[in-house]
């Protein structure tokens, strides 16, 4: 009788293998892992109700899914567990099922996670979060276009690169600008990335922004601002508010969410950059802010559905009254603040903090302008009227802007003291 030896077992004949101790240990570990991987779904009880529990490994990561069996009786639970086990491998592959006890149907059906399901769930989460109403509306619009373009019943995991290209073409056909298209693409990408992180998707389509050349910031010249201040039909209150925005660089809705604390305006994290910052006011600007706050909280502003849009429209009306370029709008006051600070030789990093930018890269768009040419539009600037900003973590200091403000105020404003 011939013997044949290898690393796993010792043959004494062709039909009777004898395992070595080392091989038996290795095989036990191997088959033990397989048993864990291939084990059938089990039962687990939570608050007197039975669930089917399926566990498996995905790229060395342990995954668990629990399916409600909707019964407190163990016998019924075992019957329903048998139906779950029939589709266990498909569940591990990412498919979802609607079982008879979870619906009005008498059979087990594949449950597709559609684009509409994904949008509804994601938007519900956004509404519960601390997102601004305008952000929610923008998200809703971009996803509405996606539904119209691809179909509400389309399985989420089936959406591919070609579908994204078709979506971009659809947005273009509606006359959306490249910037608007990029905003909608960011919304779609954020939703897909959410489902990738949550494990609903194993991959997502490629969603890239359209390349857009950045134009120079649109600012309001000194002559234009002076012309607005001299408009007879424009109430002094609005003139003061426009001055407040130009001298502080605040975003349109920041004063309406802020609070005055001594000489400082405290802007909460609900602002665009989600970070806290404070702005120190001179006495005239503080008076304007107090008047603005009273108007917003207890006066005429409390009866306006959207005060921010109200100011924006009033400023646009004023710009058109003086014949300014149509490209100029309310946000141009914020651009004007940044340009003026750089012309006054305030360091760019300090300007970043003054404006609340999350990155100095955003602020650099102002420094890349031809400031020598821009300076011709601001003949009233006096570089000595602003002190070097004293900035701590999360705080900003505008310095003494009184001399600059007084150059305008005698013409159209009456501020006591």
Protein backbone atom coordinates (compact mmCIF):
# COMPACT_ATOMS: atom_id res chain seq x y z
CA UNK A 1 0.00 0.00 0.00
CA UNK A 2 1.42 3.39 -1.08
CA UNK A 3 1.23 6.40 1.23
CA UNK A 4 0.93 10.01 -0.05
CA UNK A 5 1.58 12.96 2.25
CA UNK A 6 0.74 16.65 1.78
CA UNK A 7 0.16 19.62 4.11
CA UNK A 8 -3.51 18.84 4.74
CA UNK A 9 -3.98 15.12 5.23
CA UNK A 10 -2.23 11.73 5.19
CA UNK A 11 -3.64 9.12 2.78
CA UNK A 12 -3.35 5.43 3.70
CA UNK A 13 -5.50 4.61 0.69
CA UNK A 14 -7.60 6.51 -1.83
CA UNK A 15 -10.84 6.27 0.15
CA UNK A 16 -9.80 6.80 3.74
CA UNK A 17 -8.19 10.20 4.48
CA UNK A 18 -6.72 10.86 7.89
CA UNK A 19 -6.50 14.59 8.82
CA UNK A 20 -3.44 15.93 10.55
CA UNK A 21 -3.92 18.02 13.72
CA UNK A 22 -2.67 21.23 12.03
CA UNK A 23 -5.01 20.85 9.08
CA UNK A 24 -7.98 20.13 11.33
CA UNK A 25 -7.34 23.34 13.27
CA UNK A 26 -7.06 25.42 10.08
CA UNK A 27 -10.17 23.90 8.59
CA UNK A 28 -12.11 24.50 11.78
CA UNK A 29 -11.31 28.20 11.60
CA UNK A 30 -12.16 28.31 7.89
CA UNK A 31 -15.46 26.52 8.20
CA UNK A 32 -16.27 28.40 11.39
CA UNK A 33 -15.99 31.69 9.48
CA UNK A 34 -18.13 30.30 6.69
CA UNK A 35 -20.76 29.21 9.16
CA UNK A 36 -20.90 32.72 10.54
CA UNK A 37 -21.13 34.19 7.03
CA UNK A 38 -23.72 31.72 5.75
CA UNK A 39 -25.77 31.36 8.92
CA UNK A 40 -29.51 31.66 8.42
CA UNK A 41 -31.45 34.59 9.84
CA UNK A 42 -32.23 34.25 13.52
CA UNK A 43 -34.91 35.51 15.87
CA UNK A 44 -34.52 38.40 18.28
CA UNK A 45 -37.14 39.77 20.66
CA UNK A 46 -37.56 43.48 21.28
CA UNK A 47 -40.27 44.79 23.59
CA UNK A 48 -42.19 41.51 23.37
CA UNK A 49 -42.22 41.63 19.55
CA UNK A 50 -40.18 39.28 17.36
CA UNK A 51 -37.73 40.37 14.65
CA UNK A 52 -35.73 38.43 12.08
CA UNK A 53 -32.04 39.32 12.41
CA UNK A 54 -29.71 38.91 9.46
CA UNK A 55 -25.96 39.42 9.93
CA UNK A 56 -23.18 39.32 7.36
CA UNK A 57 -19.83 40.86 6.46
CA UNK A 58 -19.36 43.45 3.72
CA UNK A 59 -15.68 44.22 3.00
CA UNK A 60 -14.72 43.04 6.51
CA UNK A 61 -17.41 45.30 7.99
CA UNK A 62 -20.12 43.59 9.98
CA UNK A 63 -23.63 44.47 8.82
CA UNK A 64 -26.90 43.72 10.58
CA UNK A 65 -30.47 44.11 9.38
CA UNK A 66 -33.57 43.52 11.49
CA UNK A 67 -36.94 42.82 9.88
CA UNK A 68 -40.09 43.22 12.01
CA UNK A 69 -42.21 40.07 12.11
CA UNK A 70 -45.19 41.87 13.70
CA UNK A 71 -46.03 39.12 16.17
CA UNK A 72 -45.55 38.32 19.85
CA UNK A 73 -46.01 34.59 19.26
CA UNK A 74 -42.85 32.58 18.74
CA UNK A 75 -44.58 29.93 16.59
CA UNK A 76 -45.82 32.56 14.12
CA UNK A 77 -42.43 34.25 14.30
CA UNK A 78 -40.71 31.01 13.17
CA UNK A 79 -43.16 30.65 10.27
CA UNK A 80 -42.41 34.17 9.10
CA UNK A 81 -38.69 33.67 9.67
CA UNK A 82 -38.80 30.80 7.17
CA UNK A 83 -40.05 33.23 4.48
CA UNK A 84 -37.28 35.67 5.34
CA UNK A 85 -34.67 32.94 5.01
CA UNK A 86 -35.82 32.18 1.47
CA UNK A 87 -34.65 35.61 0.31
CA UNK A 88 -31.81 36.07 2.79
CA UNK A 89 -29.06 36.04 0.16
CA UNK A 90 -30.89 38.72 -1.86
CA UNK A 91 -31.27 40.89 1.23
CA UNK A 92 -27.51 40.63 1.82
CA UNK A 93 -27.07 41.72 -1.79
CA UNK A 94 -28.91 44.96 -1.09
CA UNK A 95 -32.45 44.13 -2.23
CA UNK A 96 -35.44 45.04 -0.09
CA UNK A 97 -38.66 43.07 0.27
CA UNK A 98 -42.20 43.69 1.40
CA UNK A 99 -43.47 40.62 3.25
CA UNK A 100 -47.15 39.66 3.51
CA UNK A 101 -47.41 40.70 7.18
CA UNK A 102 -46.03 44.14 6.29
CA UNK A 103 -48.51 44.88 3.49
CA UNK A 104 -51.94 43.99 2.13
CA UNK A 105 -50.42 41.54 -0.34
CA UNK A 106 -50.46 37.78 0.22
CA UNK A 107 -47.02 37.27 -1.37
CA UNK A 108 -43.49 38.51 -0.80
CA UNK A 109 -42.59 41.32 -3.19
CA UNK A 110 -39.37 43.09 -4.04
CA UNK A 111 -39.44 46.61 -2.63
CA UNK A 112 -37.61 49.07 -4.84
CA UNK A 113 -36.09 52.15 -3.25
CA UNK A 114 -37.12 54.63 -5.90
CA UNK A 115 -35.83 58.10 -6.66
CA UNK A 116 -39.02 59.53 -5.17
CA UNK A 117 -38.50 57.50 -1.97
CA UNK A 118 -34.92 58.74 -1.72
CA UNK A 119 -35.87 62.39 -2.24
CA UNK A 120 -38.73 62.25 0.26
CA UNK A 121 -36.57 60.67 2.97
CA UNK A 122 -33.60 62.98 2.37
CA UNK A 123 -35.72 66.14 2.29
CA UNK A 124 -37.50 65.13 5.51
CA UNK A 125 -34.10 64.93 7.17
CA UNK A 126 -33.13 68.34 5.81
CA UNK A 127 -36.32 69.92 7.12
CA UNK A 128 -35.60 68.56 10.60
CA UNK A 129 -32.05 69.92 10.48
CA UNK A 130 -30.91 73.51 10.97
CA UNK A 131 -31.04 74.50 7.33
CA UNK A 132 -32.30 77.86 6.18
CA UNK A 133 -35.69 77.99 4.43
CA UNK A 134 -34.03 79.29 1.25
CA UNK A 135 -31.64 76.33 1.23
CA UNK A 136 -34.57 73.91 1.61
CA UNK A 137 -36.42 75.58 -1.26
CA UNK A 138 -33.33 75.42 -3.48
CA UNK A 139 -32.86 71.70 -2.66
CA UNK A 140 -36.53 71.03 -3.38
CA UNK A 141 -36.36 72.76 -6.78
CA UNK A 142 -33.23 70.92 -7.92
CA UNK A 143 -34.67 67.53 -6.93
CA UNK A 144 -38.01 68.37 -8.53
CA UNK A 145 -36.16 68.84 -11.82
CA UNK A 146 -34.38 65.49 -11.28
CA UNK A 147 -37.71 63.71 -10.77
CA UNK A 148 -39.19 65.27 -13.89
CA UNK A 149 -36.11 64.36 -15.92
CA UNK A 150 -35.62 60.74 -14.79
CA UNK A 151 -39.01 59.49 -13.45
CA UNK A 152 -40.17 59.12 -9.86
CA UNK A 153 -40.30 55.29 -10.02
CA UNK A 154 -36.70 54.94 -11.15
CA UNK A 155 -34.69 52.77 -8.67
CA UNK A 156 -32.10 54.98 -6.98
CA UNK A 157 -29.26 52.48 -7.44
CA UNK A 158 -29.87 52.34 -11.20
CA UNK A 159 -29.06 56.04 -11.79
CA UNK A 160 -25.75 56.32 -13.64
CA UNK A 161 -23.41 58.85 -15.28
CA UNK A 162 -25.54 59.07 -18.43
CA UNK A 163 -28.54 60.05 -16.32
CA UNK A 164 -26.57 62.89 -14.72
CA UNK A 165 -25.54 64.13 -18.18
CA UNK A 166 -29.19 64.02 -19.25
CA UNK A 167 -30.11 65.99 -16.12
CA UNK A 168 -27.56 68.68 -16.97
CA UNK A 169 -28.91 68.89 -20.54
CA UNK A 170 -32.42 69.22 -19.15
CA UNK A 171 -31.39 72.10 -16.87
CA UNK A 172 -29.68 73.80 -19.81
CA UNK A 173 -32.85 73.44 -21.92
CA UNK A 174 -34.76 75.30 -19.22
CA UNK A 175 -32.43 78.27 -19.57
CA UNK A 176 -30.59 77.83 -16.26
CA UNK A 177 -27.21 79.53 -15.99
CA UNK A 178 -24.05 77.52 -15.31
CA UNK A 179 -24.02 78.78 -11.71
CA UNK A 180 -27.62 77.69 -11.16
CA UNK A 181 -26.91 74.28 -12.69
CA UNK A 182 -23.95 73.88 -10.33
CA UNK A 183 -26.19 74.68 -7.36
CA UNK A 184 -28.62 71.92 -8.41
CA UNK A 185 -25.75 69.50 -9.02
CA UNK A 186 -24.46 70.14 -5.49
CA UNK A 187 -27.91 69.27 -4.14
CA UNK A 188 -28.05 66.00 -6.10
CA UNK A 189 -24.50 65.08 -5.12
CA UNK A 190 -25.20 65.75 -1.44
CA UNK A 191 -28.19 63.39 -1.55
CA UNK A 192 -26.26 60.61 -3.28
CA UNK A 193 -23.35 60.95 -0.86
CA UNK A 194 -25.79 60.65 2.05
CA UNK A 195 -27.08 57.31 0.76
CA UNK A 196 -23.53 56.15 0.06
CA UNK A 197 -22.51 56.87 3.68
CA UNK A 198 -25.65 55.23 5.06
CA UNK A 199 -24.97 52.04 3.08
CA UNK A 200 -28.02 52.31 0.85
CA UNK A 201 -25.74 52.67 -2.20
CA UNK A 202 -22.41 50.98 -2.86
CA UNK A 203 -21.38 53.54 -5.48
CA UNK A 204 -22.68 56.80 -6.87
CA UNK A 205 -22.53 58.39 -10.33
CA UNK A 206 -19.88 60.95 -11.18
CA UNK A 207 -21.27 64.42 -10.50
CA UNK A 208 -18.88 67.21 -11.47
CA UNK A 209 -19.41 70.95 -11.45
CA UNK A 210 -19.51 72.88 -14.70
CA UNK A 211 -16.39 75.00 -15.05
CA UNK A 212 -17.35 78.65 -14.61
CA UNK A 213 -14.97 81.60 -14.88
CA UNK A 214 -15.26 83.84 -11.84
CA UNK A 215 -16.15 87.44 -12.70
CA UNK A 216 -14.86 90.34 -10.64
CA UNK A 217 -17.06 91.19 -7.66
CA UNK A 218 -19.70 93.80 -8.47
CA UNK A 219 -19.41 96.77 -6.10
CA UNK A 220 -21.16 100.12 -5.57
CA UNK A 221 -18.96 103.14 -6.30
CA UNK A 222 -18.86 106.16 -4.01
CA UNK A 223 -20.72 108.28 -6.56
CA UNK A 224 -23.43 105.65 -6.95
CA UNK A 225 -23.86 105.29 -3.20
CA UNK A 226 -24.02 109.07 -2.80
CA UNK A 227 -26.67 109.27 -5.53
CA UNK A 228 -28.78 106.68 -3.70
CA UNK A 229 -28.46 108.67 -0.48
CA UNK A 230 -29.77 111.76 -2.27
CA UNK A 231 -32.92 110.10 -3.68
CA UNK A 232 -35.88 112.15 -2.50
CA UNK A 233 -38.40 109.31 -2.66
CA UNK A 234 -36.23 106.95 -0.57
CA UNK A 235 -37.00 107.12 3.17
CA UNK A 236 -34.13 107.90 5.53
CA UNK A 237 -34.67 104.59 7.30
CA UNK A 238 -33.66 102.66 4.18
CA UNK A 239 -30.68 104.93 3.60
CA UNK A 240 -29.45 104.17 7.11
CA UNK A 241 -29.96 100.43 6.62
CA UNK A 242 -28.01 100.45 3.35
CA UNK A 243 -25.19 102.30 5.11
CA UNK A 244 -25.21 99.71 7.92
CA UNK A 245 -24.78 96.89 5.42
CA UNK A 246 -22.03 98.69 3.50
CA UNK A 247 -20.05 99.52 6.65
CA UNK A 248 -20.31 96.05 8.26
CA UNK A 249 -20.28 93.69 5.26
CA UNK A 250 -23.09 91.63 6.77
CA UNK A 251 -25.06 89.27 4.56
CA UNK A 252 -28.66 90.18 3.78
CA UNK A 253 -30.30 88.15 6.56
CA UNK A 254 -27.60 88.30 9.22
CA UNK A 255 -28.91 91.43 11.05
CA UNK A 256 -32.31 89.75 11.39
CA UNK A 257 -30.87 86.73 13.18
CA UNK A 258 -28.34 88.66 15.28
CA UNK A 259 -28.48 90.33 18.70
CA UNK A 260 -26.87 93.50 20.03
CA UNK A 261 -24.66 92.88 23.06
CA UNK A 262 -23.18 96.14 24.29
CA UNK A 263 -21.21 97.56 21.38
CA UNK A 264 -21.17 94.27 19.51
CA UNK A 265 -23.48 92.48 17.09
CA UNK A 266 -23.36 88.74 17.77
CA UNK A 267 -24.09 86.68 14.65
CA UNK A 268 -25.18 83.08 15.47
CA UNK A 269 -24.05 79.87 13.72
CA UNK A 270 -27.29 79.80 11.71
CA UNK A 271 -25.54 82.15 9.30
CA UNK A 272 -24.21 80.83 5.98
CA UNK A 273 -20.81 79.72 7.26
CA UNK A 274 -22.32 78.04 10.37
CA UNK A 275 -19.81 79.76 12.62
CA UNK A 276 -20.21 82.39 15.33
CA UNK A 277 -18.74 85.83 14.79
CA UNK A 278 -19.13 89.28 16.34
CA UNK A 279 -18.88 92.77 14.90
CA UNK A 280 -18.05 95.86 16.95
CA UNK A 281 -20.07 98.95 16.02
CA UNK A 282 -19.29 102.63 16.22
CA UNK A 283 -21.89 104.79 17.99
CA UNK A 284 -23.69 105.90 14.77
CA UNK A 285 -23.83 102.33 13.45
CA UNK A 286 -25.12 101.11 16.80
CA UNK A 287 -27.95 103.65 16.63
CA UNK A 288 -28.82 102.47 13.14
CA UNK A 289 -28.83 98.84 14.24
CA UNK A 290 -31.11 99.62 17.22
CA UNK A 291 -33.54 101.38 14.87
CA UNK A 292 -33.32 98.45 12.45
CA UNK A 293 -33.96 95.97 15.28
CA UNK A 294 -37.03 97.87 16.49
CA UNK A 295 -38.36 98.04 12.94
CA UNK A 296 -37.86 94.32 12.41
CA UNK A 297 -39.15 92.99 15.72
CA UNK A 298 -42.01 95.32 16.63
CA UNK A 299 -42.60 97.74 13.80
CA UNK A 300 -43.33 97.60 10.13
CA UNK A 301 -40.87 94.77 9.56
CA UNK A 302 -42.88 92.36 11.69
CA UNK A 303 -45.70 92.58 9.14
CA UNK A 304 -43.51 91.72 6.13
CA UNK A 305 -43.41 88.05 5.18
CA UNK A 306 -39.80 88.28 3.94
CA UNK A 307 -37.93 91.39 5.20
CA UNK A 308 -34.74 90.33 3.43
CA UNK A 309 -36.40 90.30 0.02
CA UNK A 310 -38.05 93.62 0.91
CA UNK A 311 -34.67 95.33 1.44
CA UNK A 312 -33.24 93.67 -1.65
CA UNK A 313 -36.07 94.96 -3.85
CA UNK A 314 -35.88 98.45 -2.37
CA UNK A 315 -32.15 98.63 -3.06
CA UNK A 316 -32.62 97.36 -6.62
CA UNK A 317 -35.28 100.01 -7.17
CA UNK A 318 -32.84 102.64 -5.91
CA UNK A 319 -30.09 101.36 -8.23
CA UNK A 320 -32.41 101.58 -11.21
CA UNK A 321 -33.45 105.09 -10.18
CA UNK A 322 -29.85 106.33 -10.46
CA UNK A 323 -29.22 104.41 -13.71
CA UNK A 324 -26.74 101.89 -12.26
CA UNK A 325 -25.75 98.78 -14.18
CA UNK A 326 -28.31 95.96 -13.96
CA UNK A 327 -25.61 93.57 -12.72
CA UNK A 328 -25.53 95.45 -9.40
CA UNK A 329 -27.76 94.25 -6.58
CA UNK A 330 -28.06 94.18 -2.80
CA UNK A 331 -25.17 91.75 -2.30
CA UNK A 332 -22.97 94.34 -4.03
CA UNK A 333 -22.95 96.20 -0.72
CA UNK A 334 -21.04 93.26 0.81
CA UNK A 335 -18.62 93.27 -2.14
CA UNK A 336 -18.19 97.01 -1.62
CA UNK A 337 -17.25 96.47 2.02
CA UNK A 338 -14.50 94.00 1.05
CA UNK A 339 -13.10 96.18 -1.73
CA UNK A 340 -12.99 99.24 0.50
CA UNK A 341 -11.20 97.34 3.26
CA UNK A 342 -8.50 96.17 0.86
CA UNK A 343 -8.09 99.68 -0.52
CA UNK A 344 -7.56 100.82 3.07
CA UNK A 345 -4.73 98.28 3.28
CA UNK A 346 -6.48 95.96 5.73
CA UNK A 347 -4.68 92.55 5.47
CA UNK A 348 -6.60 90.00 3.45
CA UNK A 349 -6.72 87.51 6.35
CA UNK A 350 -8.33 90.19 8.51
CA UNK A 351 -10.86 90.90 5.75
CA UNK A 352 -11.64 87.17 5.74
CA UNK A 353 -12.48 87.31 9.45
CA UNK A 354 -14.44 90.54 9.08
CA UNK A 355 -16.64 88.96 6.41
CA UNK A 356 -16.97 85.57 8.05
CA UNK A 357 -15.53 83.61 5.13
CA UNK A 358 -14.74 79.99 5.94
CA UNK A 359 -11.60 80.12 3.77
CA UNK A 360 -9.25 82.91 2.70
CA UNK A 361 -9.54 81.50 -0.83
CA UNK A 362 -13.00 83.06 -1.02
CA UNK A 363 -11.60 86.43 0.03
CA UNK A 364 -8.84 86.28 -2.59
CA UNK A 365 -11.28 87.08 -5.40
CA UNK A 366 -11.19 90.69 -4.14
CA UNK A 367 -7.40 90.90 -3.99
CA UNK A 368 -7.16 89.62 -7.57
CA UNK A 369 -8.94 92.73 -8.86
CA UNK A 370 -7.02 95.65 -10.31
CA UNK A 371 -7.20 97.65 -7.10
CA UNK A 372 -5.36 100.61 -8.61
CA UNK A 373 -8.15 100.92 -11.15
CA UNK A 374 -10.84 100.24 -8.54
CA UNK A 375 -9.47 103.01 -6.28
CA UNK A 376 -10.69 105.57 -8.81
CA UNK A 377 -14.27 104.60 -7.89
CA UNK A 378 -13.72 105.47 -4.21
CA UNK A 379 -12.38 109.05 -4.07
CA UNK A 380 -13.92 109.66 -0.62
CA UNK A 381 -11.79 107.01 1.06
CA UNK A 382 -9.50 108.29 3.81
CA UNK A 383 -7.03 105.54 4.63
CA UNK A 384 -6.33 106.97 8.06
CA UNK A 385 -9.87 106.65 9.39
CA UNK A 386 -9.69 102.93 10.08
CA UNK A 387 -7.42 101.40 12.65
CA UNK A 388 -5.73 98.07 12.22
CA UNK A 389 -8.42 95.49 13.09
CA UNK A 390 -8.03 93.91 16.49
CA UNK A 391 -9.24 90.39 15.91
CA UNK A 392 -9.59 87.50 18.30
CA UNK A 393 -10.93 84.02 17.63
CA UNK A 394 -14.42 84.34 16.16
CA UNK A 395 -14.55 88.14 16.69
CA UNK A 396 -14.18 91.09 14.37
CA UNK A 397 -13.36 94.72 15.00
CA UNK A 398 -14.38 97.33 12.45
CA UNK A 399 -12.36 100.08 14.00
CA UNK A 400 -13.36 103.74 14.08
CA UNK A 401 -15.56 104.27 11.03
CA UNK A 402 -17.11 107.45 12.38
CA UNK A 403 -15.16 109.80 10.07
CA UNK A 404 -16.26 107.82 7.00
CA UNK A 405 -19.89 107.72 8.10
CA UNK A 406 -19.99 111.43 8.89
CA UNK A 407 -18.86 112.20 5.34
CA UNK A 408 -22.30 110.96 4.25
CA UNK A 409 -24.55 111.48 7.25
CA UNK A 410 -24.88 115.27 7.30
CA UNK A 411 -26.37 115.10 3.81
CA UNK A 412 -29.29 112.86 4.57
CA UNK A 413 -29.30 111.37 8.06
CA UNK A 414 -30.25 112.68 11.47
CA UNK A 415 -28.63 110.66 14.23
CA UNK A 416 -28.57 112.12 17.69
CA UNK A 417 -25.30 112.38 19.59
